[in-house]
Amino acid sequence: MPAGADAGSAGASTQEAGRPAPWSLDTLNGNVGYMLRRAQLAVFAEFREALGELDLRPGQYAVLIVIDRNAGLTQSQVGNALGIHRANFVAVIRDLERRGLARRMASARDRRSKGLTLTAAGRRVLERAEHLQRLHERRIDRQLGPGGRERLLRLLARIVDAD
């Protein structure tokens, strides 16, 4: 941690009330992991605001997308595809079911597994969410400038696919 910074200030903006902060984040700002996390926090905060009317978190949105495009996948398959731990995924599905957006059904291939599908209400919510997500992505595109989106996605894919 840089001198003069405490654990609570690591995520603080370098400016408060329009004046430079009294601490330095230069070392952290040069760290890929730190900047990816800060970018994720900023994008997710904007996402939550953009989809606020639907009360959808980014993970829930991703689950709805995967279920919609792959109806019948099991909970394990969807959770694994999105990198969501089993216990967390069960809570997400339970919440989506409670809201009437998704439904678990017996799998045709394995009675012990539950396949997932969207309800009609889930499809309507997802349709609206996709529209709001496109608007959100356009704002990000403007921030990144011409060609920035494609460049960023290419670079991020290199990190994700490094295995």
Protein backbone atom coordinates (compact mmCIF):
# COMPACT_ATOMS: atom_id res chain seq x y z
CA MET A 1 0.00 0.00 0.00
CA PRO A 2 1.44 3.44 -0.89
CA ALA A 3 2.68 5.61 1.93
CA GLY A 4 -0.05 7.76 3.36
CA ALA A 5 -2.82 5.48 2.10
CA ASP A 6 -4.88 3.31 4.37
CA ALA A 7 -6.95 0.29 3.41
CA GLY A 8 -10.07 2.39 3.07
CA SER A 9 -8.52 4.89 0.68
CA ALA A 10 -7.25 2.37 -1.90
CA GLY A 11 -10.55 2.55 -3.76
CA ALA A 12 -11.00 6.29 -3.29
CA SER A 13 -10.93 8.66 -6.23
CA THR A 14 -7.71 10.57 -6.79
CA GLN A 15 -9.80 13.71 -6.62
CA GLU A 16 -12.32 14.87 -4.07
CA ALA A 17 -14.25 18.09 -4.45
CA GLY A 18 -12.17 18.95 -7.54
CA ARG A 19 -8.77 18.96 -5.82
CA PRO A 20 -6.01 16.35 -5.98
CA ALA A 21 -6.07 13.75 -3.23
CA PRO A 22 -3.27 13.89 -0.64
CA TRP A 23 -2.20 10.32 -1.40
CA SER A 24 -0.75 8.59 -4.43
CA LEU A 25 -2.26 5.65 -6.26
CA ASP A 26 0.36 5.64 -9.05
CA THR A 27 1.64 2.18 -8.18
CA LEU A 28 -1.88 0.72 -8.09
CA ASN A 29 -2.95 2.57 -11.24
CA GLY A 30 -0.12 0.79 -13.05
CA ASN A 31 -1.37 -2.62 -11.87
CA VAL A 32 -3.51 -4.46 -14.44
CA GLY A 33 -5.52 -6.39 -11.85
CA TYR A 34 -6.27 -3.27 -9.83
CA MET A 35 -7.36 -1.27 -12.87
CA LEU A 36 -9.49 -4.15 -14.19
CA ARG A 37 -11.24 -4.32 -10.83
CA ARG A 38 -11.79 -0.55 -10.74
CA ALA A 39 -13.13 -0.65 -14.31
CA GLN A 40 -15.43 -3.56 -13.37
CA LEU A 41 -16.76 -1.64 -10.38
CA ALA A 42 -17.42 1.44 -12.53
CA VAL A 43 -19.11 -0.54 -15.31
CA PHE A 44 -21.21 -2.58 -12.86
CA ALA A 45 -22.31 0.56 -11.00
CA GLU A 46 -23.47 2.10 -14.29
CA PHE A 47 -25.09 -1.22 -15.25
CA ARG A 48 -27.05 -1.39 -11.99
CA GLU A 49 -28.21 2.18 -12.57
CA ALA A 50 -29.14 1.47 -16.20
CA LEU A 51 -31.17 -1.61 -15.26
CA GLY A 52 -32.42 -0.20 -11.96
CA GLU A 53 -36.04 -0.23 -13.06
CA LEU A 54 -35.79 -4.03 -13.43
CA ASP A 55 -33.91 -4.67 -10.19
CA LEU A 56 -31.41 -6.93 -12.02
CA ARG A 57 -27.81 -7.38 -10.98
CA PRO A 58 -25.15 -8.17 -13.61
CA GLY A 59 -24.98 -11.84 -12.59
CA GLN A 60 -28.76 -12.25 -12.82
CA TYR A 61 -28.77 -10.64 -16.25
CA ALA A 62 -26.06 -13.05 -17.41
CA VAL A 63 -28.02 -16.03 -16.07
CA LEU A 64 -31.17 -14.90 -17.88
CA ILE A 65 -29.21 -14.52 -21.13
CA VAL A 66 -27.64 -17.98 -20.89
CA ILE A 67 -30.95 -19.65 -19.99
CA ASP A 68 -32.75 -17.86 -22.82
CA ARG A 69 -30.16 -18.87 -25.41
CA ASN A 70 -29.78 -22.42 -24.03
CA ALA A 71 -33.12 -23.51 -22.53
CA GLY A 72 -32.88 -26.80 -20.70
CA LEU A 73 -29.29 -26.47 -19.53
CA THR A 74 -28.89 -27.69 -15.97
CA GLN A 75 -28.11 -25.44 -13.03
CA SER A 76 -24.58 -26.87 -12.93
CA GLN A 77 -24.01 -26.19 -16.62
CA VAL A 78 -25.18 -22.58 -16.42
CA GLY A 79 -23.25 -21.95 -13.19
CA ASN A 80 -20.08 -23.46 -14.64
CA ALA A 81 -20.42 -21.53 -17.90
CA LEU A 82 -20.63 -18.26 -15.96
CA GLY A 83 -18.08 -19.14 -13.29
CA ILE A 84 -20.63 -18.83 -10.48
CA HIS A 85 -20.05 -21.03 -7.42
CA ARG A 86 -22.77 -23.59 -6.84
CA ALA A 87 -24.10 -22.12 -3.57
CA ASN A 88 -24.25 -18.63 -5.09
CA PHE A 89 -25.91 -19.93 -8.23
CA VAL A 90 -28.64 -21.73 -6.28
CA ALA A 91 -29.46 -18.42 -4.56
CA VAL A 92 -29.60 -16.61 -7.92
CA ILE A 93 -31.97 -19.19 -9.41
CA ARG A 94 -34.10 -19.22 -6.27
CA ASP A 95 -34.47 -15.43 -6.53
CA LEU A 96 -35.28 -15.54 -10.25
CA GLU A 97 -37.89 -18.24 -9.57
CA ARG A 98 -39.39 -16.26 -6.69
CA ARG A 99 -39.74 -13.29 -9.05
CA GLY A 100 -41.40 -15.50 -11.67
CA LEU A 101 -38.63 -15.00 -14.24
CA ALA A 102 -37.16 -18.50 -14.46
CA ARG A 103 -38.29 -22.02 -13.70
CA ARG A 104 -36.53 -25.27 -12.82
CA MET A 105 -37.89 -28.39 -14.44
CA ALA A 106 -36.93 -32.04 -14.41
CA SER A 107 -34.21 -32.70 -16.97
CA ALA A 108 -35.23 -35.04 -19.79
CA ARG A 109 -31.76 -36.64 -19.70
CA ASP A 110 -31.16 -36.89 -15.96
CA ARG A 111 -34.02 -36.89 -13.44
CA ARG A 112 -31.63 -35.85 -10.65
CA SER A 113 -30.79 -32.63 -12.49
CA LYS A 114 -32.94 -29.58 -13.04
CA GLY A 115 -33.13 -27.93 -16.43
CA LEU A 116 -33.72 -24.19 -16.55
CA THR A 117 -36.07 -22.16 -18.68
CA LEU A 118 -37.40 -18.61 -18.70
CA THR A 119 -41.03 -17.87 -18.02
CA ALA A 120 -43.02 -15.51 -20.23
CA ALA A 121 -42.41 -12.79 -17.62
CA GLY A 122 -38.71 -13.65 -17.70
CA ARG A 123 -38.62 -13.19 -21.47
CA ARG A 124 -40.31 -9.79 -21.17
CA VAL A 125 -37.90 -8.65 -18.47
CA LEU A 126 -34.94 -9.93 -20.49
CA GLU A 127 -36.14 -8.13 -23.62
CA ARG A 128 -36.28 -4.83 -21.69
CA ALA A 129 -32.95 -5.58 -20.00
CA GLU A 130 -31.27 -6.20 -23.35
CA HIS A 131 -32.52 -2.84 -24.62
CA LEU A 132 -31.21 -1.06 -21.52
CA GLN A 133 -27.92 -3.00 -21.76
CA ARG A 134 -27.44 -1.83 -25.37
CA LEU A 135 -27.86 1.78 -24.21
CA HIS A 136 -25.38 1.14 -21.39
CA GLU A 137 -22.87 -0.35 -23.85
CA ARG A 138 -23.21 2.69 -26.11
CA ARG A 139 -22.19 4.93 -23.20
CA ILE A 140 -19.12 2.76 -22.65
CA ASP A 141 -18.34 2.87 -26.37
CA ARG A 142 -18.37 6.67 -26.26
CA GLN A 143 -15.93 6.60 -23.33
CA LEU A 144 -13.57 4.22 -25.16
CA GLY A 145 -13.67 6.14 -28.43
CA PRO A 146 -13.48 4.83 -32.00
CA GLY A 147 -12.18 1.27 -32.12
CA GLY A 148 -11.71 1.21 -28.35
CA ARG A 149 -14.35 -1.40 -27.67
CA GLU A 150 -12.95 -3.90 -30.15
CA ARG A 151 -9.40 -3.34 -28.91
CA LEU A 152 -10.40 -3.72 -25.27
CA LEU A 153 -12.41 -6.89 -25.92
CA ARG A 154 -9.52 -8.40 -27.88
CA LEU A 155 -7.07 -7.67 -25.07
CA LEU A 156 -9.40 -8.96 -22.38
CA ALA A 157 -10.01 -12.15 -24.38
CA ARG A 158 -6.25 -12.74 -24.43
CA ILE A 159 -6.25 -12.68 -20.64
CA VAL A 160 -9.38 -14.83 -20.29
CA ASP A 161 -8.21 -17.38 -22.87
CA ALA A 162 -4.62 -17.56 -21.56
CA ASP A 163 -5.15 -21.03 -20.11
